[in-house]
PDB file of N, CA and C in Angstrom:
ATOM      1  N   MET A   1      52.535  17.071 144.998  1.00  0.00           N
ATOM      2  CA  MET A   1      51.156  16.962 145.429  1.00  0.00           C
ATOM      3  C   MET A   1      50.859  15.473 145.596  1.00  0.00           C
ATOM      4  N   ASP A   2      50.112  15.169 146.614  1.00  0.00           N
ATOM      5  CA  ASP A   2      49.644  13.814 146.860  1.00  0.00           C
ATOM      6  C   ASP A   2      48.937  13.316 145.596  1.00  0.00           C
ATOM      7  N   GLN A   3      49.222  12.089 145.192  1.00  0.00           N
ATOM      8  CA  GLN A   3      48.683  11.549 143.938  1.00  0.00           C
ATOM      9  C   GLN A   3      47.160  11.608 143.873  1.00  0.00           C
ATOM     10  N   ARG A   4      46.487  11.365 144.994  1.00  0.00           N
ATOM     11  CA  ARG A   4      45.024  11.372 144.943  1.00  0.00           C
ATOM     12  C   ARG A   4      44.486  12.768 144.645  1.00  0.00           C
ATOM     13  N   TYR A   5      45.160  13.795 145.149  1.00  0.00           N
ATOM     14  CA  TYR A   5      44.720  15.159 144.854  1.00  0.00           C
ATOM     15  C   TYR A   5      45.075  15.540 143.420  1.00  0.00           C
ATOM     16  N   GLU A   6      46.216  15.068 142.969  1.00  0.00           N
ATOM     17  CA  GLU A   6      46.586  15.325 141.581  1.00  0.00           C
ATOM     18  C   GLU A   6      45.557  14.707 140.637  1.00  0.00           C
ATOM     19  N   ASP A   7      45.140  13.485 140.940  1.00  0.00           N
ATOM     20  CA  ASP A   7      44.125  12.815 140.121  1.00  0.00           C
ATOM     21  C   ASP A   7      42.800  13.570 140.157  1.00  0.00           C
ATOM     22  N   LYS A   8      42.404  14.048 141.324  1.00  0.00           N
ATOM     23  CA  LYS A   8      41.149  14.784 141.447  1.00  0.00           C
ATOM     24  C   LYS A   8      41.218  16.120 140.716  1.00  0.00           C
ATOM     25  N   THR A   9      42.358  16.774 140.800  1.00  0.00           N
ATOM     26  CA  THR A   9      42.535  18.041 140.094  1.00  0.00           C
ATOM     27  C   THR A   9      42.469  17.815 138.590  1.00  0.00           C
ATOM     28  N   ARG A  10      43.123  16.768 138.118  1.00  0.00           N
ATOM     29  CA  ARG A  10      43.096  16.434 136.689  1.00  0.00           C
ATOM     30  C   ARG A  10      41.668  16.099 136.249  1.00  0.00           C
ATOM     31  N   SER A  11      40.945  15.351 137.074  1.00  0.00           N
ATOM     32  CA  SER A  11      39.569  14.975 136.751  1.00  0.00           C
ATOM     33  C   SER A  11      38.661  16.205 136.681  1.00  0.00           C
ATOM     34  N   LEU A  12      38.819  17.112 137.645  1.00  0.00           N
ATOM     35  CA  LEU A  12      38.038  18.354 137.640  1.00  0.00           C
ATOM     36  C   LEU A  12      38.334  19.169 136.391  1.00  0.00           C
ATOM     37  N   THR A  13      39.604  19.322 136.084  1.00  0.00           N
ATOM     38  CA  THR A  13      40.010  20.098 134.912  1.00  0.00           C
ATOM     39  C   THR A  13      39.431  19.494 133.638  1.00  0.00           C
ATOM     40  N   GLU A  14      39.517  18.192 133.525  1.00  0.00           N
ATOM     41  CA  GLU A  14      38.976  17.496 132.355  1.00  0.00           C
ATOM     42  C   GLU A  14      37.464  17.733 132.235  1.00  0.00           C
ATOM     43  N   ALA A  15      36.761  17.620 133.342  1.00  0.00           N
ATOM     44  CA  ALA A  15      35.303  17.795 133.320  1.00  0.00           C
ATOM     45  C   ALA A  15      34.913  19.214 132.915  1.00  0.00           C
ATOM     46  N   VAL A  16      35.596  20.196 133.463  1.00  0.00           N
ATOM     47  CA  VAL A  16      35.243  21.593 133.172  1.00  0.00           C
ATOM     48  C   VAL A  16      35.604  21.974 131.742  1.00  0.00           C
ATOM     49  N   LEU A  17      36.771  21.568 131.299  1.00  0.00           N
ATOM     50  CA  LEU A  17      37.272  22.067 130.018  1.00  0.00           C
ATOM     51  C   LEU A  17      36.947  21.205 128.810  1.00  0.00           C
ATOM     52  N   ASN A  18      36.739  19.918 129.002  1.00  0.00           N
ATOM     53  CA  ASN A  18      36.632  19.031 127.840  1.00  0.00           C
ATOM     54  C   ASN A  18      35.347  18.229 127.740  1.00  0.00           C
ATOM     55  N   SER A  19      34.500  18.287 128.741  1.00  0.00           N
ATOM     56  CA  SER A  19      33.265  17.509 128.671  1.00  0.00           C
ATOM     57  C   SER A  19      32.290  18.156 127.695  1.00  0.00           C
ATOM     58  N   PRO A  20      31.321  17.381 127.217  1.00  0.00           N
ATOM     59  CA  PRO A  20      30.314  17.977 126.328  1.00  0.00           C
ATOM     60  C   PRO A  20      29.567  19.090 127.063  1.00  0.00           C
ATOM     61  N   GLY A  21      29.217  20.110 126.331  1.00  0.00           N
ATOM     62  CA  GLY A  21      28.510  21.222 126.948  1.00  0.00           C
ATOM     63  C   GLY A  21      27.949  22.163 125.913  1.00  0.00           C
ATOM     64  N   GLU A  22      27.452  23.266 126.388  1.00  0.00           N
ATOM     65  CA  GLU A  22      26.862  24.290 125.536  1.00  0.00           C
ATOM     66  C   GLU A  22      27.938  25.035 124.736  1.00  0.00           C
ATOM     67  N   THR A  23      29.111  25.201 125.338  1.00  0.00           N
ATOM     68  CA  THR A  23      30.195  25.926 124.669  1.00  0.00           C
ATOM     69  C   THR A  23      31.235  24.951 124.130  1.00  0.00           C
ATOM     70  N   ASP A  24      31.898  25.364 123.100  1.00  0.00           N
ATOM     71  CA  ASP A  24      32.958  24.568 122.489  1.00  0.00           C
ATOM     72  C   ASP A  24      34.089  24.375 123.509  1.00  0.00           C
ATOM     73  N   PRO A  25      34.561  23.137 123.703  1.00  0.00           N
ATOM     74  CA  PRO A  25      35.665  22.907 124.630  1.00  0.00           C
ATOM     75  C   PRO A  25      36.906  23.758 124.309  1.00  0.00           C
ATOM     76  N   ALA A  26      37.136  24.053 123.042  1.00  0.00           N
ATOM     77  CA  ALA A  26      38.290  24.888 122.683  1.00  0.00           C
ATOM     78  C   ALA A  26      38.139  26.292 123.265  1.00  0.00           C
ATOM     79  N   VAL A  27      36.922  26.808 123.287  1.00  0.00           N
ATOM     80  CA  VAL A  27      36.675  28.131 123.872  1.00  0.00           C
ATOM     81  C   VAL A  27      36.885  28.064 125.383  1.00  0.00           C
ATOM     82  N   ARG A  28      36.360  27.014 126.018  1.00  0.00           N
ATOM     83  CA  ARG A  28      36.543  26.873 127.468  1.00  0.00           C
ATOM     84  C   ARG A  28      38.021  26.771 127.826  1.00  0.00           C
ATOM     85  N   ARG A  29      38.790  26.028 127.031  1.00  0.00           N
ATOM     86  CA  ARG A  29      40.234  25.914 127.296  1.00  0.00           C
ATOM     87  C   ARG A  29      40.924  27.261 127.101  1.00  0.00           C
ATOM     88  N   ALA A  30      40.519  28.004 126.077  1.00  0.00           N
ATOM     89  CA  ALA A  30      41.110  29.326 125.837  1.00  0.00           C
ATOM     90  C   ALA A  30      40.779  30.279 126.983  1.00  0.00           C
ATOM     91  N   VAL A  31      39.561  30.204 127.495  1.00  0.00           N
ATOM     92  CA  VAL A  31      39.158  31.037 128.636  1.00  0.00           C
ATOM     93  C   VAL A  31      40.016  30.692 129.846  1.00  0.00           C
ATOM     94  N   GLU A  32      40.218  29.409 130.107  1.00  0.00           N
ATOM     95  CA  GLU A  32      41.041  28.983 131.246  1.00  0.00           C
ATOM     96  C   GLU A  32      42.458  29.508 131.122  1.00  0.00           C
ATOM     97  N   VAL A  33      43.047  29.424 129.941  1.00  0.00           N
ATOM     98  CA  VAL A  33      44.417  29.904 129.719  1.00  0.00           C
ATOM     99  C   VAL A  33      44.494  31.411 129.921  1.00  0.00           C
ATOM    100  N   ARG A  34      43.540  32.158 129.365  1.00  0.00           N
ATOM    101  CA  ARG A  34      43.539  33.617 129.533  1.00  0.00           C
ATOM    102  C   ARG A  34      43.436  33.983 131.009  1.00  0.00           C
ATOM    103  N   ALA A  35      42.505  33.339 131.715  1.00  0.00           N
ATOM    104  CA  ALA A  35      42.295  33.641 133.129  1.00  0.00           C
ATOM    105  C   ALA A  35      43.513  33.249 133.964  1.00  0.00           C
ATOM    106  N   ALA A  36      44.128  32.119 133.665  1.00  0.00           N
ATOM    107  CA  ALA A  36      45.323  31.686 134.399  1.00  0.00           C
ATOM    108  C   ALA A  36      46.483  32.644 134.163  1.00  0.00           C
ATOM    109  N   ALA A  37      46.603  33.147 132.945  1.00  0.00           N
ATOM    110  CA  ALA A  37      47.667  34.107 132.644  1.00  0.00           C
ATOM    111  C   ALA A  37      47.464  35.388 133.466  1.00  0.00           C
ATOM    112  N   LEU A  38      46.223  35.809 133.619  1.00  0.00           N
ATOM    113  CA  LEU A  38      45.936  36.996 134.434  1.00  0.00           C
ATOM    114  C   LEU A  38      46.321  36.772 135.891  1.00  0.00           C
ATOM    115  N   ALA A  39      46.291  35.515 136.323  1.00  0.00           N
ATOM    116  CA  ALA A  39      46.642  35.175 137.706  1.00  0.00           C
ATOM    117  C   ALA A  39      48.117  34.846 137.867  1.00  0.00           C
ATOM    118  N   GLY A  40      48.882  34.981 136.787  1.00  0.00           N
ATOM    119  CA  GLY A  40      50.322  34.826 136.913  1.00  0.00           C
ATOM    120  C   GLY A  40      50.933  33.565 136.342  1.00  0.00           C
ATOM    121  N   ARG A  41      50.131  32.686 135.722  1.00  0.00           N
ATOM    122  CA  ARG A  41      50.721  31.497 135.111  1.00  0.00           C
ATOM    123  C   ARG A  41      51.435  31.912 133.825  1.00  0.00           C
ATOM    124  N   PRO A  42      52.712  31.582 133.710  1.00  0.00           N
ATOM    125  CA  PRO A  42      53.419  31.892 132.466  1.00  0.00           C
ATOM    126  C   PRO A  42      52.791  31.138 131.290  1.00  0.00           C
ATOM    127  N   THR A  43      52.607  31.832 130.190  1.00  0.00           N
ATOM    128  CA  THR A  43      52.053  31.194 128.999  1.00  0.00           C
ATOM    129  C   THR A  43      52.847  31.627 127.783  1.00  0.00           C
ATOM    130  N   GLU A  44      52.812  30.776 126.799  1.00  0.00           N
ATOM    131  CA  GLU A  44      53.414  31.112 125.507  1.00  0.00           C
ATOM    132  C   GLU A  44      52.269  31.433 124.567  1.00  0.00           C
ATOM    133  N   GLY A  45      51.878  32.686 124.547  1.00  0.00           N
ATOM    134  CA  GLY A  45      50.742  33.088 123.733  1.00  0.00           C
ATOM    135  C   GLY A  45      49.452  32.692 124.420  1.00  0.00           C
ATOM    136  N   THR A  46      48.408  33.407 124.123  1.00  0.00           N
ATOM    137  CA  THR A  46      47.105  33.128 124.697  1.00  0.00           C
ATOM    138  C   THR A  46      46.148  32.802 123.571  1.00  0.00           C
ATOM    139  N   PRO A  47      45.459  31.658 123.653  1.00  0.00           N
ATOM    140  CA  PRO A  47      44.488  31.338 122.601  1.00  0.00           C
ATOM    141  C   PRO A  47      43.433  32.429 122.495  1.00  0.00           C
ATOM    142  N   GLU A  48      42.862  32.551 121.334  1.00  0.00           N
ATOM    143  CA  GLU A  48      41.875  33.597 121.082  1.00  0.00           C
ATOM    144  C   GLU A  48      40.565  33.310 121.802  1.00  0.00           C
ATOM    145  N   VAL A  49      40.137  34.275 122.567  1.00  0.00           N
ATOM    146  CA  VAL A  49      38.849  34.237 123.265  1.00  0.00           C
ATOM    147  C   VAL A  49      37.956  35.259 122.575  1.00  0.00           C
ATOM    148  N   PRO A  50      36.687  34.922 122.309  1.00  0.00           N
ATOM    149  CA  PRO A  50      35.807  35.899 121.667  1.00  0.00           C
ATOM    150  C   PRO A  50      35.813  37.237 122.419  1.00  0.00           C
ATOM    151  N   GLN A  51      35.886  38.307 121.662  1.00  0.00           N
ATOM    152  CA  GLN A  51      35.969  39.656 122.224  1.00  0.00           C
ATOM    153  C   GLN A  51      34.846  39.944 123.215  1.00  0.00           C
ATOM    154  N   ALA A  52      33.660  39.426 122.954  1.00  0.00           N
ATOM    155  CA  ALA A  52      32.517  39.686 123.840  1.00  0.00           C
ATOM    156  C   ALA A  52      32.727  39.125 125.240  1.00  0.00           C
ATOM    157  N   LEU A  53      33.665  38.200 125.389  1.00  0.00           N
ATOM    158  CA  LEU A  53      33.914  37.575 126.691  1.00  0.00           C
ATOM    159  C   LEU A  53      35.037  38.227 127.487  1.00  0.00           C
ATOM    160  N   HIS A  54      35.870  39.033 126.850  1.00  0.00           N
ATOM    161  CA  HIS A  54      37.067  39.569 127.508  1.00  0.00           C
ATOM    162  C   HIS A  54      36.781  40.217 128.852  1.00  0.00           C
ATOM    163  N   SER A  55      35.880  41.155 128.881  1.00  0.00           N
ATOM    164  CA  SER A  55      35.608  41.898 130.110  1.00  0.00           C
ATOM    165  C   SER A  55      35.118  40.970 131.215  1.00  0.00           C
ATOM    166  N   TYR A  56      34.207  40.083 130.874  1.00  0.00           N
ATOM    167  CA  TYR A  56      33.654  39.174 131.876  1.00  0.00           C
ATOM    168  C   TYR A  56      34.713  38.202 132.394  1.00  0.00           C
ATOM    169  N   ILE A  57      35.460  37.602 131.503  1.00  0.00           N
ATOM    170  CA  ILE A  57      36.498  36.636 131.903  1.00  0.00           C
ATOM    171  C   ILE A  57      37.538  37.325 132.777  1.00  0.00           C
ATOM    172  N   ASP A  58      37.954  38.503 132.383  1.00  0.00           N
ATOM    173  CA  ASP A  58      38.933  39.239 133.180  1.00  0.00           C
ATOM    174  C   ASP A  58      38.393  39.558 134.575  1.00  0.00           C
ATOM    175  N   LYS A  59      37.118  39.938 134.637  1.00  0.00           N
ATOM    176  CA  LYS A  59      36.524  40.266 135.931  1.00  0.00           C
ATOM    177  C   LYS A  59      36.445  39.022 136.819  1.00  0.00           C
ATOM    178  N   VAL A  60      36.012  37.903 136.266  1.00  0.00           N
ATOM    179  CA  VAL A  60      35.928  36.671 137.053  1.00  0.00           C
ATOM    180  C   VAL A  60      37.319  36.258 137.523  1.00  0.00           C
ATOM    181  N   ALA A  61      38.305  36.359 136.650  1.00  0.00           N
ATOM    182  CA  ALA A  61      39.659  35.930 136.991  1.00  0.00           C
ATOM    183  C   ALA A  61      40.297  36.804 138.065  1.00  0.00           C
ATOM    184  N   LEU A  62      40.041  38.095 138.004  1.00  0.00           N
ATOM    185  CA  LEU A  62      40.729  39.026 138.904  1.00  0.00           C
ATOM    186  C   LEU A  62      39.880  39.508 140.083  1.00  0.00           C
ATOM    187  N   TYR A  63      38.588  39.664 139.858  1.00  0.00           N
ATOM    188  CA  TYR A  63      37.712  40.253 140.881  1.00  0.00           C
ATOM    189  C   TYR A  63      36.351  39.560 140.864  1.00  0.00           C
ATOM    190  N   ALA A  64      36.319  38.284 141.076  1.00  0.00           N
ATOM    191  CA  ALA A  64      35.067  37.527 140.954  1.00  0.00           C
ATOM    192  C   ALA A  64      33.957  38.119 141.818  1.00  0.00           C
ATOM    193  N   TYR A  65      34.323  38.653 142.966  1.00  0.00           N
ATOM    194  CA  TYR A  65      33.326  39.216 143.872  1.00  0.00           C
ATOM    195  C   TYR A  65      32.649  40.465 143.306  1.00  0.00           C
ATOM    196  N   LYS A  66      33.180  41.009 142.236  1.00  0.00           N
ATOM    197  CA  LYS A  66      32.598  42.206 141.628  1.00  0.00           C
ATOM    198  C   LYS A  66      31.633  41.889 140.490  1.00  0.00           C
ATOM    199  N   THR A  67      31.451  40.615 140.163  1.00  0.00           N
ATOM    200  CA  THR A  67      30.523  40.296 139.084  1.00  0.00           C
ATOM    201  C   THR A  67      29.089  40.582 139.541  1.00  0.00           C
ATOM    202  N   THR A  68      28.301  41.032 138.608  1.00  0.00           N
ATOM    203  CA  THR A  68      26.928  41.432 138.926  1.00  0.00           C
ATOM    204  C   THR A  68      25.956  40.825 137.923  1.00  0.00           C
ATOM    205  N   ASP A  69      24.689  40.993 138.216  1.00  0.00           N
ATOM    206  CA  ASP A  69      23.653  40.557 137.282  1.00  0.00           C
ATOM    207  C   ASP A  69      23.803  41.266 135.939  1.00  0.00           C
ATOM    208  N   ASP A  70      24.270  42.491 135.966  1.00  0.00           N
ATOM    209  CA  ASP A  70      24.470  43.227 134.714  1.00  0.00           C
ATOM    210  C   ASP A  70      25.490  42.536 133.819  1.00  0.00           C
ATOM    211  N   ASP A  71      26.530  41.961 134.414  1.00  0.00           N
ATOM    212  CA  ASP A  71      27.525  41.232 133.628  1.00  0.00           C
ATOM    213  C   ASP A  71      26.880  40.042 132.919  1.00  0.00           C
ATOM    214  N   ILE A  72      26.024  39.337 133.633  1.00  0.00           N
ATOM    215  CA  ILE A  72      25.336  38.183 133.061  1.00  0.00           C
ATOM    216  C   ILE A  72      24.378  38.640 131.963  1.00  0.00           C
ATOM    217  N   GLN A  73      23.659  39.721 132.211  1.00  0.00           N
ATOM    218  CA  GLN A  73      22.721  40.238 131.212  1.00  0.00           C
ATOM    219  C   GLN A  73      23.454  40.678 129.944  1.00  0.00           C
ATOM    220  N   THR A  74      24.643  41.226 130.101  1.00  0.00           N
ATOM    221  CA  THR A  74      25.436  41.625 128.935  1.00  0.00           C
ATOM    222  C   THR A  74      25.775  40.407 128.083  1.00  0.00           C
ATOM    223  N   LEU A  75      26.172  39.320 128.732  1.00  0.00           N
ATOM    224  CA  LEU A  75      26.488  38.097 127.982  1.00  0.00           C
ATOM    225  C   LEU A  75      25.229  37.505 127.349  1.00  0.00           C
ATOM    226  N   ARG A  76      24.130  37.555 128.060  1.00  0.00           N
ATOM    227  CA  ARG A  76      22.872  37.053 127.492  1.00  0.00           C
ATOM    228  C   ARG A  76      22.493  37.868 126.251  1.00  0.00           C
ATOM    229  N   ALA A  77      22.718  39.181 126.304  1.00  0.00           N
ATOM    230  CA  ALA A  77      22.427  40.043 125.152  1.00  0.00           C
ATOM    231  C   ALA A  77      23.331  39.710 123.972  1.00  0.00           C
ATOM    232  N   GLU A  78      24.509  39.166 124.258  1.00  0.00           N
ATOM    233  CA  GLU A  78      25.435  38.737 123.200  1.00  0.00           C
ATOM    234  C   GLU A  78      25.064  37.365 122.638  1.00  0.00           C
ATOM    235  N   GLY A  79      24.036  36.742 123.242  1.00  0.00           N
ATOM    236  CA  GLY A  79      23.558  35.464 122.729  1.00  0.00           C
ATOM    237  C   GLY A  79      23.991  34.242 123.520  1.00  0.00           C
ATOM    238  N   TYR A  80      24.646  34.442 124.639  1.00  0.00           N
ATOM    239  CA  TYR A  80      25.083  33.310 125.457  1.00  0.00           C
ATOM    240  C   TYR A  80      23.936  32.850 126.358  1.00  0.00           C
ATOM    241  N   SER A  81      23.728  31.539 126.409  1.00  0.00           N
ATOM    242  CA  SER A  81      22.686  30.963 127.259  1.00  0.00           C
ATOM    243  C   SER A  81      23.175  30.883 128.703  1.00  0.00           C
ATOM    244  N   GLU A  82      22.254  30.604 129.607  1.00  0.00           N
ATOM    245  CA  GLU A  82      22.618  30.428 131.021  1.00  0.00           C
ATOM    246  C   GLU A  82      23.649  29.302 131.175  1.00  0.00           C
ATOM    247  N   ASP A  83      23.444  28.197 130.466  1.00  0.00           N
ATOM    248  CA  ASP A  83      24.390  27.079 130.550  1.00  0.00           C
ATOM    249  C   ASP A  83      25.763  27.479 130.037  1.00  0.00           C
ATOM    250  N   ALA A  84      25.797  28.206 128.928  1.00  0.00           N
ATOM    251  CA  ALA A  84      27.087  28.647 128.377  1.00  0.00           C
ATOM    252  C   ALA A  84      27.792  29.583 129.351  1.00  0.00           C
ATOM    253  N   ILE A  85      27.058  30.496 129.946  1.00  0.00           N
ATOM    254  CA  ILE A  85      27.652  31.433 130.911  1.00  0.00           C
ATOM    255  C   ILE A  85      28.198  30.672 132.112  1.00  0.00           C
ATOM    256  N   PHE A  86      27.464  29.679 132.574  1.00  0.00           N
ATOM    257  CA  PHE A  86      27.932  28.855 133.686  1.00  0.00           C
ATOM    258  C   PHE A  86      29.248  28.153 133.323  1.00  0.00           C
ATOM    259  N   GLU A  87      29.298  27.546 132.146  1.00  0.00           N
ATOM    260  CA  GLU A  87      30.512  26.844 131.708  1.00  0.00           C
ATOM    261  C   GLU A  87      31.694  27.810 131.581  1.00  0.00           C
ATOM    262  N   LEU A  88      31.446  28.975 131.038  1.00  0.00           N
ATOM    263  CA  LEU A  88      32.503  29.968 130.870  1.00  0.00           C
ATOM    264  C   LEU A  88      32.977  30.501 132.219  1.00  0.00           C
ATOM    265  N   THR A  89      32.046  30.661 133.140  1.00  0.00           N
ATOM    266  CA  THR A  89      32.404  31.125 134.482  1.00  0.00           C
ATOM    267  C   THR A  89      33.275  30.094 135.184  1.00  0.00           C
ATOM    268  N   LEU A  90      32.906  28.816 135.098  1.00  0.00           N
ATOM    269  CA  LEU A  90      33.739  27.763 135.687  1.00  0.00           C
ATOM    270  C   LEU A  90      35.138  27.764 135.087  1.00  0.00           C
ATOM    271  N   SER A  91      35.209  27.905 133.781  1.00  0.00           N
ATOM    272  CA  SER A  91      36.514  27.910 133.105  1.00  0.00           C
ATOM    273  C   SER A  91      37.349  29.110 133.538  1.00  0.00           C
ATOM    274  N   ALA A  92      36.696  30.261 133.667  1.00  0.00           N
ATOM    275  CA  ALA A  92      37.398  31.483 134.073  1.00  0.00           C
ATOM    276  C   ALA A  92      37.857  31.408 135.520  1.00  0.00           C
ATOM    277  N   ALA A  93      37.127  30.713 136.360  1.00  0.00           N
ATOM    278  CA  ALA A  93      37.523  30.561 137.765  1.00  0.00           C
ATOM    279  C   ALA A  93      38.584  29.471 137.928  1.00  0.00           C
ATOM    280  N   LEU A  94      38.508  28.456 137.109  1.00  0.00           N
ATOM    281  CA  LEU A  94      39.464  27.352 137.192  1.00  0.00           C
ATOM    282  C   LEU A  94      40.882  27.821 136.888  1.00  0.00           C
ATOM    283  N   GLY A  95      41.043  28.656 135.881  1.00  0.00           N
ATOM    284  CA  GLY A  95      42.380  29.119 135.487  1.00  0.00           C
ATOM    285  C   GLY A  95      43.163  29.738 136.629  1.00  0.00           C
ATOM    286  N   PRO A  96      42.634  30.775 137.274  1.00  0.00           N
ATOM    287  CA  PRO A  96      43.358  31.382 138.392  1.00  0.00           C
ATOM    288  C   PRO A  96      43.514  30.434 139.577  1.00  0.00           C
ATOM    289  N   GLY A  97      42.499  29.621 139.822  1.00  0.00           N
ATOM    290  CA  GLY A  97      42.591  28.671 140.931  1.00  0.00           C
ATOM    291  C   GLY A  97      43.753  27.713 140.751  1.00  0.00           C
ATOM    292  N   LEU A  98      43.876  27.167 139.552  1.00  0.00           N
ATOM    293  CA  LEU A  98      44.985  26.246 139.277  1.00  0.00           C
ATOM    294  C   LEU A  98      46.324  26.979 139.277  1.00  0.00           C
ATOM    295  N   ALA A  99      46.343  28.191 138.737  1.00  0.00           N
ATOM    296  CA  ALA A  99      47.598  28.963 138.723  1.00  0.00           C
ATOM    297  C   ALA A  99      48.083  29.217 140.143  1.00  0.00           C
ATOM    298  N   ARG A 100      47.175  29.566 141.017  1.00  0.00           N
ATOM    299  CA  ARG A 100      47.543  29.824 142.420  1.00  0.00           C
ATOM    300  C   ARG A 100      47.958  28.540 143.124  1.00  0.00           C
ATOM    301  N   LEU A 101      47.275  27.457 142.835  1.00  0.00           N
ATOM    302  CA  LEU A 101      47.653  26.164 143.402  1.00  0.00           C
ATOM    303  C   LEU A 101      49.068  25.788 142.965  1.00  0.00           C
ATOM    304  N   GLU A 102      49.345  25.953 141.683  1.00  0.00           N
ATOM    305  CA  GLU A 102      50.677  25.630 141.157  1.00  0.00           C
ATOM    306  C   GLU A 102      51.754  26.466 141.843  1.00  0.00           C
ATOM    307  N   ARG A 103      51.498  27.759 142.015  1.00  0.00           N
ATOM    308  CA  ARG A 103      52.473  28.630 142.681  1.00  0.00           C
ATOM    309  C   ARG A 103      52.647  28.249 144.148  1.00  0.00           C
ATOM    310  N   GLY A 104      51.556  27.924 144.823  1.00  0.00           N
ATOM    311  CA  GLY A 104      51.636  27.528 146.225  1.00  0.00           C
ATOM    312  C   GLY A 104      52.417  26.244 146.404  1.00  0.00           C
ATOM    313  N   LEU A 105      52.175  25.275 145.557  1.00  0.00           N
ATOM    314  CA  LEU A 105      52.909  24.011 145.648  1.00  0.00           C
ATOM    315  C   LEU A 105      54.387  24.212 145.324  1.00  0.00           C
ATOM    316  N   ALA A 106      54.676  25.078 144.375  1.00  0.00           N
ATOM    317  CA  ALA A 106      56.070  25.384 144.043  1.00  0.00           C
ATOM    318  C   ALA A 106      56.759  26.022 145.228  1.00  0.00           C
ATOM    319  N   ALA A 107      56.061  26.908 145.922  1.00  0.00           N
ATOM    320  CA  ALA A 107      56.644  27.557 147.103  1.00  0.00           C
ATOM    321  C   ALA A 107      56.925  26.523 148.197  1.00  0.00           C
ATOM    322  N   LEU A 108      56.025  25.586 148.388  1.00  0.00           N
ATOM    323  CA  LEU A 108      56.229  24.544 149.394  1.00  0.00           C
ATOM    324  C   LEU A 108      57.428  23.661 149.059  1.00  0.00           C
ATOM    325  N   ARG A 109      57.647  23.456 147.756  1.00  0.00           N
ATOM    326  CA  ARG A 109      58.809  22.656 147.318  1.00  0.00           C
ATOM    327  C   ARG A 109      60.095  23.468 147.372  1.00  0.00           C
ATOM    328  N   GLY A 110      59.974  24.770 147.518  1.00  0.00           N
ATOM    329  CA  GLY A 110      61.149  25.631 147.533  1.00  0.00           C
ATOM    330  C   GLY A 110      61.593  26.090 146.157  1.00  0.00           C
ATOM    331  N   ASP A 111      60.720  25.893 145.147  1.00  0.00           N
ATOM    332  CA  ASP A 111      61.018  26.372 143.792  1.00  0.00           C
ATOM    333  C   ASP A 111      60.932  27.881 143.763  1.00  0.00           C
ATOM    334  N   LYS A 112      61.592  28.472 142.802  1.00  0.00           N
ATOM    335  CA  LYS A 112      61.516  29.927 142.637  1.00  0.00           C
ATOM    336  C   LYS A 112      60.401  30.314 141.726  1.00  0.00           C
TER     337      LYS A 112
END
């Protein structure tokens, strides 16, 4: 990957997963790993994601277009704020996006 894009990808990842926010960065990183694994990134174990998030994270990772207001209301009922849901959604979308990018770049390089 061109160095400037690699730097931008790293910067985006850092901002989404490690910047101060409503949710603990460890939870955001665990969400990203779970979502990336669903998209095919090989992982050695998956960090623990709160059970209340499983269904939503899986839906965002696999079928983002199927998320509804009801999904958001379910998380709000579990005590998650709008900001927390936004952060978790970004983390859940980032995982598959990066996994697919990694696979695409590997294919361009001729990796298996």
